[in-house]
């Protein structure tokens, strides 16, 4: 998802459901209303949202939780950039310029828990 698509999804995840107007009013530095509607249509076509008619307007609902969407995005990232290898992804994340000691300790604890 693009940054703006993610912002729209965040609005809808928080609200549970939202109209284009509600999304537009909730976005920081919102683009035009017609741009928001176009982005909502893109998110529907990508399978992230569905819509229901409510009188003359559409109400948009998420098709997956943020957690499920994140896992799906990570799977695409793994296949696109890391040859489906979690080890390659982790090796990239462990670049000393990118990670501090606290994060490294947290990762180590997560791995230790996963081993058990």
Protein backbone atom coordinates (compact mmCIF):
# COMPACT_ATOMS: atom_id res chain seq x y z
CA UNK A 1 0.00 0.00 0.00
CA UNK A 2 1.07 3.53 -0.61
CA UNK A 3 1.46 5.89 2.35
CA UNK A 4 -1.88 7.53 1.61
CA UNK A 5 -3.66 4.18 1.15
CA UNK A 6 -2.30 3.12 4.53
CA UNK A 7 -3.58 6.34 6.11
CA UNK A 8 -7.02 5.65 4.69
CA UNK A 9 -6.94 2.07 5.96
CA UNK A 10 -5.91 3.34 9.41
CA UNK A 11 -8.96 5.64 9.48
CA UNK A 12 -11.28 2.79 8.51
CA UNK A 13 -9.67 0.30 10.91
CA UNK A 14 -10.09 2.76 13.79
CA UNK A 15 -13.70 3.53 12.92
CA UNK A 16 -14.68 0.03 11.80
CA UNK A 17 -16.52 1.56 8.85
CA UNK A 18 -16.50 4.99 7.21
CA UNK A 19 -17.83 7.01 4.32
CA UNK A 20 -15.60 8.88 1.88
CA UNK A 21 -16.51 12.12 3.66
CA UNK A 22 -15.52 10.70 7.05
CA UNK A 23 -12.23 9.42 5.63
CA UNK A 24 -11.53 12.77 3.95
CA UNK A 25 -12.20 14.68 7.18
CA UNK A 26 -9.92 12.36 9.18
CA UNK A 27 -6.84 12.46 6.96
CA UNK A 28 -3.88 14.67 7.80
CA UNK A 29 -3.11 17.03 4.91
CA UNK A 30 -6.02 15.49 3.05
CA UNK A 31 -5.99 15.45 -0.72
CA UNK A 32 -9.14 16.51 -2.56
CA UNK A 33 -12.37 14.67 -1.86
CA UNK A 34 -12.33 13.18 -5.36
CA UNK A 35 -8.77 11.89 -4.77
CA UNK A 36 -9.95 10.19 -1.56
CA UNK A 37 -12.82 8.57 -3.47
CA UNK A 38 -10.38 7.38 -6.14
CA UNK A 39 -8.08 5.91 -3.49
CA UNK A 40 -11.02 4.16 -1.85
CA UNK A 41 -11.88 2.61 -5.22
CA UNK A 42 -8.26 1.45 -5.58
CA UNK A 43 -8.38 -0.15 -2.11
CA UNK A 44 -11.61 -1.93 -3.07
CA UNK A 45 -10.03 -3.20 -6.30
CA UNK A 46 -6.94 -4.40 -4.39
CA UNK A 47 -9.19 -6.36 -2.03
CA UNK A 48 -8.49 -4.35 1.12
CA UNK A 49 -11.97 -2.84 1.43
CA UNK A 50 -15.54 -3.58 0.49
CA UNK A 51 -18.40 -1.14 0.34
CA UNK A 52 -22.09 -1.18 1.09
CA UNK A 53 -24.70 1.24 -0.14
CA UNK A 54 -26.29 3.45 2.49
CA UNK A 55 -28.80 5.58 0.64
CA UNK A 56 -26.82 7.64 -1.88
CA UNK A 57 -23.43 7.01 -0.30
CA UNK A 58 -21.04 4.11 0.11
CA UNK A 59 -19.83 2.95 3.48
CA UNK A 60 -16.40 1.30 3.36
CA UNK A 61 -15.44 -1.66 5.56
CA UNK A 62 -12.07 -3.39 5.91
CA UNK A 63 -11.76 -6.96 4.64
CA UNK A 64 -8.89 -7.83 6.98
CA UNK A 65 -7.54 -6.75 10.35
CA UNK A 66 -4.38 -4.60 10.48
CA UNK A 67 -2.47 -7.65 11.70
CA UNK A 68 -3.60 -9.83 8.80
CA UNK A 69 -2.87 -7.05 6.31
CA UNK A 70 0.60 -6.61 7.81
CA UNK A 71 1.36 -10.31 7.52
CA UNK A 72 0.20 -10.32 3.91
CA UNK A 73 2.40 -7.31 3.12
CA UNK A 74 5.36 -8.99 4.81
CA UNK A 75 4.84 -12.16 2.75
CA UNK A 76 4.90 -10.03 -0.43
CA UNK A 77 8.04 -8.26 0.80
CA UNK A 78 9.73 -11.60 1.52
CA UNK A 79 8.94 -13.00 -1.91
CA UNK A 80 9.78 -9.79 -3.79
CA UNK A 81 13.04 -8.78 -2.12
CA UNK A 82 14.31 -11.66 0.02
CA UNK A 83 13.76 -14.81 -2.06
CA UNK A 84 11.17 -16.04 0.49
CA UNK A 85 13.89 -16.22 3.14
CA UNK A 86 13.10 -14.85 6.62
CA UNK A 87 16.83 -15.24 7.39
CA UNK A 88 17.72 -12.86 4.54
CA UNK A 89 15.18 -10.35 5.83
CA UNK A 90 16.50 -10.58 9.39
CA UNK A 91 20.10 -10.26 8.19
CA UNK A 92 19.15 -7.02 6.46
CA UNK A 93 17.37 -5.76 9.57
CA UNK A 94 20.36 -6.55 11.75
CA UNK A 95 22.59 -4.11 9.90
CA UNK A 96 24.44 -2.36 12.76
CA UNK A 97 23.66 1.06 11.29
CA UNK A 98 19.95 0.35 11.43
CA UNK A 99 19.42 -1.29 14.83
CA UNK A 100 20.28 -0.32 18.38
CA UNK A 101 21.09 -2.57 21.33
CA UNK A 102 17.57 -2.35 22.82
CA UNK A 103 15.94 -3.52 19.60
CA UNK A 104 18.50 -6.29 19.24
CA UNK A 105 17.69 -7.49 22.78
CA UNK A 106 13.98 -7.43 22.00
CA UNK A 107 14.53 -9.47 18.83
CA UNK A 108 16.66 -11.96 20.75
CA UNK A 109 13.91 -12.36 23.37
CA UNK A 110 11.29 -12.93 20.66
CA UNK A 111 13.44 -15.62 19.04
CA UNK A 112 14.05 -17.28 22.42
CA UNK A 113 10.28 -17.37 23.09
CA UNK A 114 9.64 -18.82 19.65
CA UNK A 115 12.14 -21.63 20.32
CA UNK A 116 10.25 -22.77 23.43
